[in-house]
Structure formats: C-alpha cells, structure tokens
C-alpha cells in the first residue's frame, strides 16, 4: 500500500471546499428551504460526514445508491436506488460523491435530480479526469486523483468492501506522489 493523500491534506481540502460551498449557498438556503445534500453511497459516507460539518447552513441529508460495477469492471448499466427524502422542484441540491471517475454515476444522479426540477451542483472528494467518458465535471472537487485504483477514506479496494475505514487515501501501486 502506498499513501496518495494524508489525513491532514484531506482535512485541509474538505475545509476549503466546505467554505466555498458555504459562500455559494449563503443567502440561497433557509430552514424552510434547506440545502439538500444527496450522498452517493457507499464510498462517499466518510467524505460527506466530514464535509457537511463544515457547512454552517441549514442542511438536509439523504442518500442514494448507484451501482454500475460487477467485480470492479463497468457492467454497462446504471442502477439507482433513491431512498429517503424526495427532492422537489426548485430545491438547492448538492450531490456528494467520493470520486468522479468515468462520470457515469454523477451524470446519472444529476440527470435524475434535474428531472425532479432541482437546482443541482456536485462535490467530489477526488476528480479522476483521465478516465472520464461522460462529458460532466463536478462543481467542486477536493483533489485530483492519479489514474490508479484508490481506497481508504470511505472507498474500498473493490474486494469485499475492505479498507473503507482508513483515514488516508492509498493505492496498491508503487508510483504515486506522496502528499
């Protein structure tokens, strides 16, 4: 295992992005019309928990599960299970995901929410532009991801969901920068 991003670097970037999101939504949300944070499970749960605590605005949190992978390879079909709070027209919605890789997941969730009439923006922990196949970019991202499979900080190794509990982000590869 090789460390890609330290817990200190992650915390610094989460705080920075939280401030940017707060500035953007300040005056646009209220207790009557809170910011709806849609967390893409399972990988984004740690990032989302840290991020929402940096946003001192009225926030409502709900979860969505999107799957497209079978044994770590793209299956060709997106499956989405939206549970919890239903998003309505004109609501300010922030999609929070762990990584924007191919762009398929972010595109799927954003399309669904826009169809509901929501004003949609997105935030990801890692932006991996090298693998993008859908023309979409997150509104905010914390760090650019190397073109490697990464795990830790909520993301798993792709093998039975292990190592989500690590405080830092790692890869099994040898040739990454150690930030």
C-alpha atoms as a PDB file:
ATOM      1  CA  UNK A   1       0.000   0.000   0.000  1.00  0.00           C
ATOM      2  CA  UNK A   2       1.236   3.438  -0.881  1.00  0.00           C
ATOM      3  CA  UNK A   3      -0.249   6.614   0.575  1.00  0.00           C
ATOM      4  CA  UNK A   4      -1.614   9.045  -2.012  1.00  0.00           C
ATOM      5  CA  UNK A   5      -3.176  11.678   0.298  1.00  0.00           C
ATOM      6  CA  UNK A   6      -2.581  12.137   4.036  1.00  0.00           C
ATOM      7  CA  UNK A   7      -5.374  12.738   6.535  1.00  0.00           C
ATOM      8  CA  UNK A   8      -4.021  16.285   7.055  1.00  0.00           C
ATOM      9  CA  UNK A   9      -4.230  17.042   3.316  1.00  0.00           C
ATOM     10  CA  UNK A  10      -7.738  15.570   3.136  1.00  0.00           C
ATOM     11  CA  UNK A  11      -8.918  17.644   6.134  1.00  0.00           C
ATOM     12  CA  UNK A  12      -7.416  20.802   4.631  1.00  0.00           C
ATOM     13  CA  UNK A  13      -9.191  20.264   1.307  1.00  0.00           C
ATOM     14  CA  UNK A  14     -12.527  19.327   2.899  1.00  0.00           C
ATOM     15  CA  UNK A  15     -12.410  22.545   4.940  1.00  0.00           C
ATOM     16  CA  UNK A  16     -11.556  24.581   1.832  1.00  0.00           C
ATOM     17  CA  UNK A  17     -14.384  23.085  -0.216  1.00  0.00           C
ATOM     18  CA  UNK A  18     -16.826  23.440   2.682  1.00  0.00           C
ATOM     19  CA  UNK A  19     -16.054  27.172   2.831  1.00  0.00           C
ATOM     20  CA  UNK A  20     -16.569  27.527  -0.935  1.00  0.00           C
ATOM     21  CA  UNK A  21     -19.892  25.688  -0.757  1.00  0.00           C
ATOM     22  CA  UNK A  22     -20.976  27.797   2.223  1.00  0.00           C
ATOM     23  CA  UNK A  23     -20.150  31.002   0.343  1.00  0.00           C
ATOM     24  CA  UNK A  24     -22.039  29.794  -2.719  1.00  0.00           C
ATOM     25  CA  UNK A  25     -25.235  28.792  -0.868  1.00  0.00           C
ATOM     26  CA  UNK A  26     -25.204  31.568   1.743  1.00  0.00           C
ATOM     27  CA  UNK A  27     -28.458  33.515   1.302  1.00  0.00           C
ATOM     28  CA  UNK A  28     -29.877  30.844  -1.060  1.00  0.00           C
ATOM     29  CA  UNK A  29     -30.996  28.361   1.614  1.00  0.00           C
ATOM     30  CA  UNK A  30     -33.034  28.654   4.797  1.00  0.00           C
ATOM     31  CA  UNK A  31     -34.715  26.432   7.367  1.00  0.00           C
ATOM     32  CA  UNK A  32     -37.782  26.432   5.115  1.00  0.00           C
ATOM     33  CA  UNK A  33     -35.687  25.673   2.033  1.00  0.00           C
ATOM     34  CA  UNK A  34     -32.521  23.887   3.215  1.00  0.00           C
ATOM     35  CA  UNK A  35     -29.640  22.674   1.109  1.00  0.00           C
ATOM     36  CA  UNK A  36     -30.408  19.057   0.275  1.00  0.00           C
ATOM     37  CA  UNK A  37     -27.213  17.004   0.321  1.00  0.00           C
ATOM     38  CA  UNK A  38     -27.578  13.793  -1.674  1.00  0.00           C
ATOM     39  CA  UNK A  39     -24.820  11.407  -0.616  1.00  0.00           C
ATOM     40  CA  UNK A  40     -23.834   8.680  -3.080  1.00  0.00           C
ATOM     41  CA  UNK A  41     -23.341   5.522  -1.050  1.00  0.00           C
ATOM     42  CA  UNK A  42     -21.246   3.645  -0.087  1.00  0.00           C
ATOM     43  CA  UNK A  43     -17.964   5.337  -0.875  1.00  0.00           C
ATOM     44  CA  UNK A  44     -18.919   8.936  -0.043  1.00  0.00           C
ATOM     45  CA  UNK A  45     -20.154   8.385   3.516  1.00  0.00           C
ATOM     46  CA  UNK A  46     -16.920   9.439   5.261  1.00  0.00           C
ATOM     47  CA  UNK A  47     -16.328  12.434   2.991  1.00  0.00           C
ATOM     48  CA  UNK A  48     -19.960  13.549   3.315  1.00  0.00           C
ATOM     49  CA  UNK A  49     -19.880  13.320   7.118  1.00  0.00           C
ATOM     50  CA  UNK A  50     -16.763  15.489   7.263  1.00  0.00           C
ATOM     51  CA  UNK A  51     -17.992  17.904   4.588  1.00  0.00           C
ATOM     52  CA  UNK A  52     -21.452  18.693   5.994  1.00  0.00           C
ATOM     53  CA  UNK A  53     -19.917  19.607   9.356  1.00  0.00           C
ATOM     54  CA  UNK A  54     -18.002  22.413   7.614  1.00  0.00           C
ATOM     55  CA  UNK A  55     -21.176  23.934   6.150  1.00  0.00           C
ATOM     56  CA  UNK A  56     -22.911  26.090   8.827  1.00  0.00           C
ATOM     57  CA  UNK A  57     -26.173  26.372   6.864  1.00  0.00           C
ATOM     58  CA  UNK A  58     -29.499  24.514   7.099  1.00  0.00           C
ATOM     59  CA  UNK A  59     -28.744  21.130   5.520  1.00  0.00           C
ATOM     60  CA  UNK A  60     -30.947  18.111   4.929  1.00  0.00           C
ATOM     61  CA  UNK A  61     -29.173  14.853   4.124  1.00  0.00           C
ATOM     62  CA  UNK A  62     -30.440  11.958   2.056  1.00  0.00           C
ATOM     63  CA  UNK A  63     -28.764   9.010   0.378  1.00  0.00           C
ATOM     64  CA  UNK A  64     -28.735   7.335  -2.998  1.00  0.00           C
ATOM     65  CA  UNK A  65     -27.112   4.089  -4.020  1.00  0.00           C
ATOM     66  CA  UNK A  66     -25.875   3.781  -7.575  1.00  0.00           C
ATOM     67  CA  UNK A  67     -24.199   0.700  -8.946  1.00  0.00           C
ATOM     68  CA  UNK A  68     -22.545   0.053 -12.256  1.00  0.00           C
ATOM     69  CA  UNK A  69     -19.734  -2.301 -11.358  1.00  0.00           C
ATOM     70  CA  UNK A  70     -19.503  -6.079 -11.310  1.00  0.00           C
ATOM     71  CA  UNK A  71     -16.187  -7.312  -9.936  1.00  0.00           C
ATOM     72  CA  UNK A  72     -14.573  -3.863 -10.421  1.00  0.00           C
ATOM     73  CA  UNK A  73     -15.492  -3.565 -14.099  1.00  0.00           C
ATOM     74  CA  UNK A  74     -18.219  -1.416 -15.644  1.00  0.00           C
ATOM     75  CA  UNK A  75     -21.293  -3.577 -16.271  1.00  0.00           C
ATOM     76  CA  UNK A  76     -22.778  -1.234 -18.883  1.00  0.00           C
ATOM     77  CA  UNK A  77     -25.925  -0.426 -16.894  1.00  0.00           C
ATOM     78  CA  UNK A  78     -26.558   2.140 -14.143  1.00  0.00           C
ATOM     79  CA  UNK A  79     -28.826   1.074 -11.296  1.00  0.00           C
ATOM     80  CA  UNK A  80     -30.024   3.702  -8.832  1.00  0.00           C
ATOM     81  CA  UNK A  81     -31.901   3.261  -5.563  1.00  0.00           C
ATOM     82  CA  UNK A  82     -33.017   6.639  -4.213  1.00  0.00           C
ATOM     83  CA  UNK A  83     -34.236   6.225  -0.656  1.00  0.00           C
ATOM     84  CA  UNK A  84     -35.075   8.795   1.955  1.00  0.00           C
ATOM     85  CA  UNK A  85     -36.127  12.376   1.298  1.00  0.00           C
ATOM     86  CA  UNK A  86     -37.627  13.080  -2.113  1.00  0.00           C
ATOM     87  CA  UNK A  87     -36.265  16.155  -3.876  1.00  0.00           C
ATOM     88  CA  UNK A  88     -38.762  18.646  -5.244  1.00  0.00           C
ATOM     89  CA  UNK A  89     -38.774  21.454  -7.792  1.00  0.00           C
ATOM     90  CA  UNK A  90     -36.513  24.464  -7.238  1.00  0.00           C
ATOM     91  CA  UNK A  91     -34.657  22.898  -4.307  1.00  0.00           C
ATOM     92  CA  UNK A  92     -30.937  23.543  -3.955  1.00  0.00           C
ATOM     93  CA  UNK A  93     -29.305  20.134  -4.163  1.00  0.00           C
ATOM     94  CA  UNK A  94     -25.667  19.193  -3.663  1.00  0.00           C
ATOM     95  CA  UNK A  95     -24.611  15.733  -4.839  1.00  0.00           C
ATOM     96  CA  UNK A  96     -21.693  14.451  -2.752  1.00  0.00           C
ATOM     97  CA  UNK A  97     -19.642  11.555  -4.106  1.00  0.00           C
ATOM     98  CA  UNK A  98     -16.262  10.055  -3.328  1.00  0.00           C
ATOM     99  CA  UNK A  99     -14.806  10.171  -6.832  1.00  0.00           C
ATOM    100  CA  UNK A 100     -15.745  11.341 -10.304  1.00  0.00           C
ATOM    101  CA  UNK A 101     -14.094   8.730 -12.475  1.00  0.00           C
ATOM    102  CA  UNK A 102     -15.916   7.898 -15.714  1.00  0.00           C
ATOM    103  CA  UNK A 103     -18.585  10.490 -14.872  1.00  0.00           C
ATOM    104  CA  UNK A 104     -21.384   7.945 -15.290  1.00  0.00           C
ATOM    105  CA  UNK A 105     -22.531   7.953 -11.662  1.00  0.00           C
ATOM    106  CA  UNK A 106     -22.513  11.725 -11.292  1.00  0.00           C
ATOM    107  CA  UNK A 107     -24.317  12.085 -14.620  1.00  0.00           C
ATOM    108  CA  UNK A 108     -26.968   9.510 -13.641  1.00  0.00           C
ATOM    109  CA  UNK A 109     -27.746  11.138 -10.274  1.00  0.00           C
ATOM    110  CA  UNK A 110     -27.636  14.703 -11.651  1.00  0.00           C
ATOM    111  CA  UNK A 111     -29.968  13.772 -14.506  1.00  0.00           C
ATOM    112  CA  UNK A 112     -32.456  12.188 -12.085  1.00  0.00           C
ATOM    113  CA  UNK A 113     -32.436  15.224  -9.767  1.00  0.00           C
ATOM    114  CA  UNK A 114     -32.737  17.717 -12.620  1.00  0.00           C
ATOM    115  CA  UNK A 115     -35.726  15.734 -13.901  1.00  0.00           C
ATOM    116  CA  UNK A 116     -37.267  16.374 -10.446  1.00  0.00           C
ATOM    117  CA  UNK A 117     -36.764  20.107 -11.062  1.00  0.00           C
ATOM    118  CA  UNK A 118     -33.931  20.604  -8.561  1.00  0.00           C
ATOM    119  CA  UNK A 119     -31.094  23.124  -8.899  1.00  0.00           C
ATOM    120  CA  UNK A 120     -28.186  20.703  -8.891  1.00  0.00           C
ATOM    121  CA  UNK A 121     -24.496  21.149  -8.084  1.00  0.00           C
ATOM    122  CA  UNK A 122     -21.958  18.500  -7.165  1.00  0.00           C
ATOM    123  CA  UNK A 123     -18.928  17.943  -4.998  1.00  0.00           C
ATOM    124  CA  UNK A 124     -16.476  15.046  -5.036  1.00  0.00           C
ATOM    125  CA  UNK A 125     -13.505  14.172  -2.907  1.00  0.00           C
ATOM    126  CA  UNK A 126     -11.449  13.060  -5.907  1.00  0.00           C
ATOM    127  CA  UNK A 127     -11.621  14.093  -9.541  1.00  0.00           C
ATOM    128  CA  UNK A 128     -10.078  11.491 -11.857  1.00  0.00           C
ATOM    129  CA  UNK A 129     -10.197  13.197 -15.242  1.00  0.00           C
ATOM    130  CA  UNK A 130      -8.107  10.544 -17.029  1.00  0.00           C
ATOM    131  CA  UNK A 131     -10.977   8.036 -17.120  1.00  0.00           C
ATOM    132  CA  UNK A 132     -13.826  10.440 -17.991  1.00  0.00           C
ATOM    133  CA  UNK A 133     -16.167   9.010 -20.639  1.00  0.00           C
ATOM    134  CA  UNK A 134     -19.174  11.254 -19.932  1.00  0.00           C
ATOM    135  CA  UNK A 135     -18.845  14.976 -20.527  1.00  0.00           C
ATOM    136  CA  UNK A 136     -19.503  16.133 -16.972  1.00  0.00           C
ATOM    137  CA  UNK A 137     -17.417  17.833 -14.319  1.00  0.00           C
ATOM    138  CA  UNK A 138     -18.146  18.247 -10.614  1.00  0.00           C
ATOM    139  CA  UNK A 139     -18.864  21.796  -9.453  1.00  0.00           C
ATOM    140  CA  UNK A 140     -16.333  21.355  -6.628  1.00  0.00           C
ATOM    141  CA  UNK A 141     -13.607  18.786  -6.011  1.00  0.00           C
ATOM    142  CA  UNK A 142     -11.034  18.458  -3.293  1.00  0.00           C
ATOM    143  CA  UNK A 143      -8.141  16.721  -5.017  1.00  0.00           C
ATOM    144  CA  UNK A 144      -7.143  15.449  -8.436  1.00  0.00           C
ATOM    145  CA  UNK A 145      -6.798  11.694  -8.431  1.00  0.00           C
ATOM    146  CA  UNK A 146      -3.985   9.785 -10.112  1.00  0.00           C
ATOM    147  CA  UNK A 147      -5.030   7.255 -12.754  1.00  0.00           C
ATOM    148  CA  UNK A 148      -4.899   4.425 -10.219  1.00  0.00           C
ATOM    149  CA  UNK A 149      -7.450   2.474  -8.167  1.00  0.00           C
ATOM    150  CA  UNK A 150      -7.576   4.246  -4.803  1.00  0.00           C
ATOM    151  CA  UNK A 151      -9.041   3.196  -1.469  1.00  0.00           C
ATOM    152  CA  UNK A 152      -9.451   4.410   2.097  1.00  0.00           C
ATOM    153  CA  UNK A 153     -11.427   7.386   3.454  1.00  0.00           C
ATOM    154  CA  UNK A 154     -14.704   5.617   2.659  1.00  0.00           C
ATOM    155  CA  UNK A 155     -13.605   3.981  -0.597  1.00  0.00           C
ATOM    156  CA  UNK A 156     -12.934   0.261  -0.749  1.00  0.00           C
ATOM    157  CA  UNK A 157     -10.407  -1.824  -2.607  1.00  0.00           C
ATOM    158  CA  UNK A 158     -13.097  -3.392  -4.747  1.00  0.00           C
ATOM    159  CA  UNK A 159     -12.535  -6.618  -2.817  1.00  0.00           C
ATOM    160  CA  UNK A 160     -15.359  -7.285  -0.361  1.00  0.00           C
ATOM    161  CA  UNK A 161     -15.615  -3.634   0.711  1.00  0.00           C
ATOM    162  CA  UNK A 162     -12.489  -3.592   2.860  1.00  0.00           C
ATOM    163  CA  UNK A 163     -10.324  -0.629   3.928  1.00  0.00           C
ATOM    164  CA  UNK A 164     -13.115   1.984   3.851  1.00  0.00           C
ATOM    165  CA  UNK A 165     -12.115   2.732   7.452  1.00  0.00           C
ATOM    166  CA  UNK A 166      -8.648   4.101   6.653  1.00  0.00           C
ATOM    167  CA  UNK A 167      -8.112   7.818   7.439  1.00  0.00           C
ATOM    168  CA  UNK A 168      -5.932   8.345   4.383  1.00  0.00           C
ATOM    169  CA  UNK A 169      -6.196   7.524   0.688  1.00  0.00           C
ATOM    170  CA  UNK A 170      -3.990   4.755  -0.695  1.00  0.00           C
ATOM    171  CA  UNK A 171      -3.241   2.812  -3.829  1.00  0.00           C
ATOM    172  CA  UNK A 172      -1.624  -0.572  -4.252  1.00  0.00           C
ATOM    173  CA  UNK A 173       0.581   0.902  -6.962  1.00  0.00           C
ATOM    174  CA  UNK A 174       4.164   1.964  -6.341  1.00  0.00           C
ATOM    175  CA  UNK A 175       4.462   5.098  -8.489  1.00  0.00           C
ATOM    176  CA  UNK A 176       2.296   7.803  -6.909  1.00  0.00           C
ATOM    177  CA  UNK A 177       3.123  11.114  -5.310  1.00  0.00           C
ATOM    178  CA  UNK A 178       3.084  11.012  -1.521  1.00  0.00           C
ATOM    179  CA  UNK A 179       1.215  14.178  -0.473  1.00  0.00           C
END
